Amino acid sequence: MHFKLLIALVDDSSTNAVLEAARRAGATGSTVISQARGEGAKQTKTFFGMTLEAQMDVILFVVEEHMSRHILETIAEVGQFDEKPGTGIAVKVDVEDVVGISHQIHMLSSVIEEEL
């Protein structure tokens, strides 16, 4: 079984919605890193040296490769990444090897067999 790492940077107000949608789409777990900052095409505004930007969360998902595109598209739709600037981005990265998810592999095996 092969895996992909999905990295989503989302506005902290949509973190829970993105997590729930990813789980419904097939993600079996996640890690959330809170209070990240990002900058897009336009620089963020400052007021007396303090940045006036919403906090972002980084969400990491290790997902089975056959399910990865569907989960990525679901994250983008729920997070409204293409509809509103500054709501977030998500990327998919190849994973060479992974340990610590053997219990998830057993659960995913039957799901993947049905899809293939």
C-alpha atoms as a PDB file:
ATOM      1  CA  MET A   1       0.000   0.000   0.000  1.00  0.00           C
ATOM      2  CA  HIS A   2       1.305   3.466  -0.927  1.00  0.00           C
ATOM      3  CA  PHE A   3       0.553   6.741   0.801  1.00  0.00           C
ATOM      4  CA  LYS A   4       0.491  10.478   0.124  1.00  0.00           C
ATOM      5  CA  LEU A   5       0.903  13.333   2.583  1.00  0.00           C
ATOM      6  CA  LEU A   6      -1.733  16.037   2.268  1.00  0.00           C
ATOM      7  CA  ILE A   7      -0.722  19.351   3.805  1.00  0.00           C
ATOM      8  CA  ALA A   8      -3.533  21.864   4.192  1.00  0.00           C
ATOM      9  CA  LEU A   9      -3.101  25.418   5.443  1.00  0.00           C
ATOM     10  CA  VAL A  10      -6.568  26.602   6.408  1.00  0.00           C
ATOM     11  CA  ASP A  11      -8.129  29.594   8.080  1.00  0.00           C
ATOM     12  CA  ASP A  12      -8.579  28.526  11.703  1.00  0.00           C
ATOM     13  CA  SER A  13     -12.316  29.193  11.509  1.00  0.00           C
ATOM     14  CA  SER A  14     -12.695  26.371   8.952  1.00  0.00           C
ATOM     15  CA  THR A  15     -10.382  23.785  10.521  1.00  0.00           C
ATOM     16  CA  ASN A  16     -13.166  21.684  12.044  1.00  0.00           C
ATOM     17  CA  ALA A  17     -15.228  21.689   8.848  1.00  0.00           C
ATOM     18  CA  VAL A  18     -12.177  20.628   6.803  1.00  0.00           C
ATOM     19  CA  LEU A  19     -11.332  17.844   9.290  1.00  0.00           C
ATOM     20  CA  GLU A  20     -14.885  16.477   9.226  1.00  0.00           C
ATOM     21  CA  ALA A  21     -15.081  16.619   5.423  1.00  0.00           C
ATOM     22  CA  ALA A  22     -11.703  14.896   5.037  1.00  0.00           C
ATOM     23  CA  ARG A  23     -12.815  12.094   7.350  1.00  0.00           C
ATOM     24  CA  ARG A  24     -16.049  11.640   5.360  1.00  0.00           C
ATOM     25  CA  ALA A  25     -13.936  11.532   2.183  1.00  0.00           C
ATOM     26  CA  GLY A  26     -11.750   8.724   3.554  1.00  0.00           C
ATOM     27  CA  ALA A  27      -9.000  10.242   5.711  1.00  0.00           C
ATOM     28  CA  THR A  28      -8.374   8.030   8.734  1.00  0.00           C
ATOM     29  CA  GLY A  29      -6.494  10.525  10.886  1.00  0.00           C
ATOM     30  CA  SER A  30      -4.895  13.939  11.003  1.00  0.00           C
ATOM     31  CA  THR A  31      -2.503  16.200  12.870  1.00  0.00           C
ATOM     32  CA  VAL A  32      -3.319  19.875  13.433  1.00  0.00           C
ATOM     33  CA  ILE A  33      -0.622  22.456  14.051  1.00  0.00           C
ATOM     34  CA  SER A  34      -2.196  25.671  15.305  1.00  0.00           C
ATOM     35  CA  GLN A  35      -1.295  29.325  14.983  1.00  0.00           C
ATOM     36  CA  ALA A  36       0.589  29.323  11.704  1.00  0.00           C
ATOM     37  CA  ARG A  37       0.982  32.457   9.597  1.00  0.00           C
ATOM     38  CA  GLY A  38       1.067  32.778   5.853  1.00  0.00           C
ATOM     39  CA  GLU A  39       1.221  35.369   3.150  1.00  0.00           C
ATOM     40  CA  GLY A  40      -0.289  35.233  -0.312  1.00  0.00           C
ATOM     41  CA  ALA A  41       0.090  37.369  -3.418  1.00  0.00           C
ATOM     42  CA  LYS A  42      -0.770  40.495  -1.456  1.00  0.00           C
ATOM     43  CA  GLN A  43       1.156  41.438   1.664  1.00  0.00           C
ATOM     44  CA  THR A  44      -0.814  41.440   4.872  1.00  0.00           C
ATOM     45  CA  LYS A  45      -1.746  44.730   6.483  1.00  0.00           C
ATOM     46  CA  THR A  46      -0.061  45.886   9.642  1.00  0.00           C
ATOM     47  CA  PHE A  47      -1.058  48.318  12.356  1.00  0.00           C
ATOM     48  CA  PHE A  48       1.796  49.738  14.460  1.00  0.00           C
ATOM     49  CA  GLY A  49       3.935  46.761  13.477  1.00  0.00           C
ATOM     50  CA  MET A  50       1.308  44.142  14.383  1.00  0.00           C
ATOM     51  CA  THR A  51       0.024  41.942  11.582  1.00  0.00           C
ATOM     52  CA  LEU A  52      -3.716  42.096  10.939  1.00  0.00           C
ATOM     53  CA  GLU A  53      -4.242  38.598   9.618  1.00  0.00           C
ATOM     54  CA  ALA A  54      -6.314  35.634  10.640  1.00  0.00           C
ATOM     55  CA  GLN A  55      -4.538  32.707  12.222  1.00  0.00           C
ATOM     56  CA  MET A  56      -4.063  29.642  10.050  1.00  0.00           C
ATOM     57  CA  ASP A  57      -3.859  25.997  11.019  1.00  0.00           C
ATOM     58  CA  VAL A  58      -1.671  23.410   9.294  1.00  0.00           C
ATOM     59  CA  ILE A  59      -3.417  20.054   8.929  1.00  0.00           C
ATOM     60  CA  LEU A  60      -1.416  16.969   7.979  1.00  0.00           C
ATOM     61  CA  PHE A  61      -3.086  13.844   6.577  1.00  0.00           C
ATOM     62  CA  VAL A  62      -1.315  10.610   5.616  1.00  0.00           C
ATOM     63  CA  VAL A  63      -3.756   8.994   3.197  1.00  0.00           C
ATOM     64  CA  GLU A  64      -3.816   6.025   0.841  1.00  0.00           C
ATOM     65  CA  GLU A  65      -2.756   7.154  -2.635  1.00  0.00           C
ATOM     66  CA  HIS A  66      -5.941   6.037  -4.431  1.00  0.00           C
ATOM     67  CA  MET A  67      -8.057   8.171  -2.091  1.00  0.00           C
ATOM     68  CA  SER A  68      -5.723  11.173  -1.992  1.00  0.00           C
ATOM     69  CA  ARG A  69      -7.103  13.176  -4.946  1.00  0.00           C
ATOM     70  CA  HIS A  70     -10.706  12.862  -3.734  1.00  0.00           C
ATOM     71  CA  ILE A  71      -9.719  13.959  -0.215  1.00  0.00           C
ATOM     72  CA  LEU A  72      -7.660  16.865  -1.604  1.00  0.00           C
ATOM     73  CA  GLU A  73     -10.588  18.079  -3.735  1.00  0.00           C
ATOM     74  CA  THR A  74     -12.957  17.756  -0.770  1.00  0.00           C
ATOM     75  CA  ILE A  75     -10.630  19.819   1.438  1.00  0.00           C
ATOM     76  CA  ALA A  76     -10.407  22.530  -1.237  1.00  0.00           C
ATOM     77  CA  GLU A  77     -14.181  22.649  -1.702  1.00  0.00           C
ATOM     78  CA  VAL A  78     -15.066  22.810   1.998  1.00  0.00           C
ATOM     79  CA  GLY A  79     -12.285  25.314   2.716  1.00  0.00           C
ATOM     80  CA  GLN A  80     -13.355  27.420  -0.294  1.00  0.00           C
ATOM     81  CA  PHE A  81      -9.741  27.700  -1.415  1.00  0.00           C
ATOM     82  CA  ASP A  82     -10.634  28.582  -5.016  1.00  0.00           C
ATOM     83  CA  GLU A  83     -13.587  30.827  -4.171  1.00  0.00           C
ATOM     84  CA  LYS A  84     -12.062  33.226  -1.632  1.00  0.00           C
ATOM     85  CA  PRO A  85      -8.460  34.491  -1.499  1.00  0.00           C
ATOM     86  CA  GLY A  86      -6.654  33.858   1.776  1.00  0.00           C
ATOM     87  CA  THR A  87      -8.799  30.912   2.878  1.00  0.00           C
ATOM     88  CA  GLY A  88      -6.044  28.349   2.422  1.00  0.00           C
ATOM     89  CA  ILE A  89      -4.139  25.984   0.196  1.00  0.00           C
ATOM     90  CA  ALA A  90      -3.508  22.254   0.125  1.00  0.00           C
ATOM     91  CA  VAL A  91      -0.737  20.206  -1.462  1.00  0.00           C
ATOM     92  CA  LYS A  92      -0.127  16.510  -2.008  1.00  0.00           C
ATOM     93  CA  VAL A  93       3.350  15.026  -1.503  1.00  0.00           C
ATOM     94  CA  ASP A  94       4.651  11.514  -2.188  1.00  0.00           C
ATOM     95  CA  VAL A  95       5.502   9.462   0.888  1.00  0.00           C
ATOM     96  CA  GLU A  96       8.379   7.032   0.466  1.00  0.00           C
ATOM     97  CA  ASP A  97       7.731   5.053   3.641  1.00  0.00           C
ATOM     98  CA  VAL A  98       5.559   5.271   6.726  1.00  0.00           C
ATOM     99  CA  VAL A  99       5.406   3.530  10.099  1.00  0.00           C
ATOM    100  CA  GLY A 100       2.938   3.718  12.937  1.00  0.00           C
ATOM    101  CA  ILE A 101      -0.275   3.300  10.959  1.00  0.00           C
ATOM    102  CA  SER A 102      -0.604  -0.487  10.740  1.00  0.00           C
ATOM    103  CA  HIS A 103      -4.033  -0.368  12.400  1.00  0.00           C
ATOM    104  CA  GLN A 104      -5.208   2.019   9.680  1.00  0.00           C
ATOM    105  CA  ILE A 105      -3.812  -0.192   6.903  1.00  0.00           C
ATOM    106  CA  HIS A 106      -6.053  -3.070   7.995  1.00  0.00           C
ATOM    107  CA  MET A 107      -9.075  -0.782   7.956  1.00  0.00           C
ATOM    108  CA  LEU A 108      -8.173   0.714   4.566  1.00  0.00           C
ATOM    109  CA  SER A 109      -7.439  -2.598   2.830  1.00  0.00           C
ATOM    110  CA  SER A 110     -11.097  -3.523   2.403  1.00  0.00           C
ATOM    111  CA  VAL A 111     -12.062  -0.007   1.284  1.00  0.00           C
ATOM    112  CA  ILE A 112      -9.320   0.094  -1.370  1.00  0.00           C
ATOM    113  CA  GLU A 113     -10.178  -3.397  -2.645  1.00  0.00           C
ATOM    114  CA  GLU A 114     -13.771  -2.289  -3.211  1.00  0.00           C
ATOM    115  CA  GLU A 115     -12.672   0.796  -5.157  1.00  0.00           C
ATOM    116  CA  LEU A 116     -10.240  -1.098  -7.373  1.00  0.00           C
END
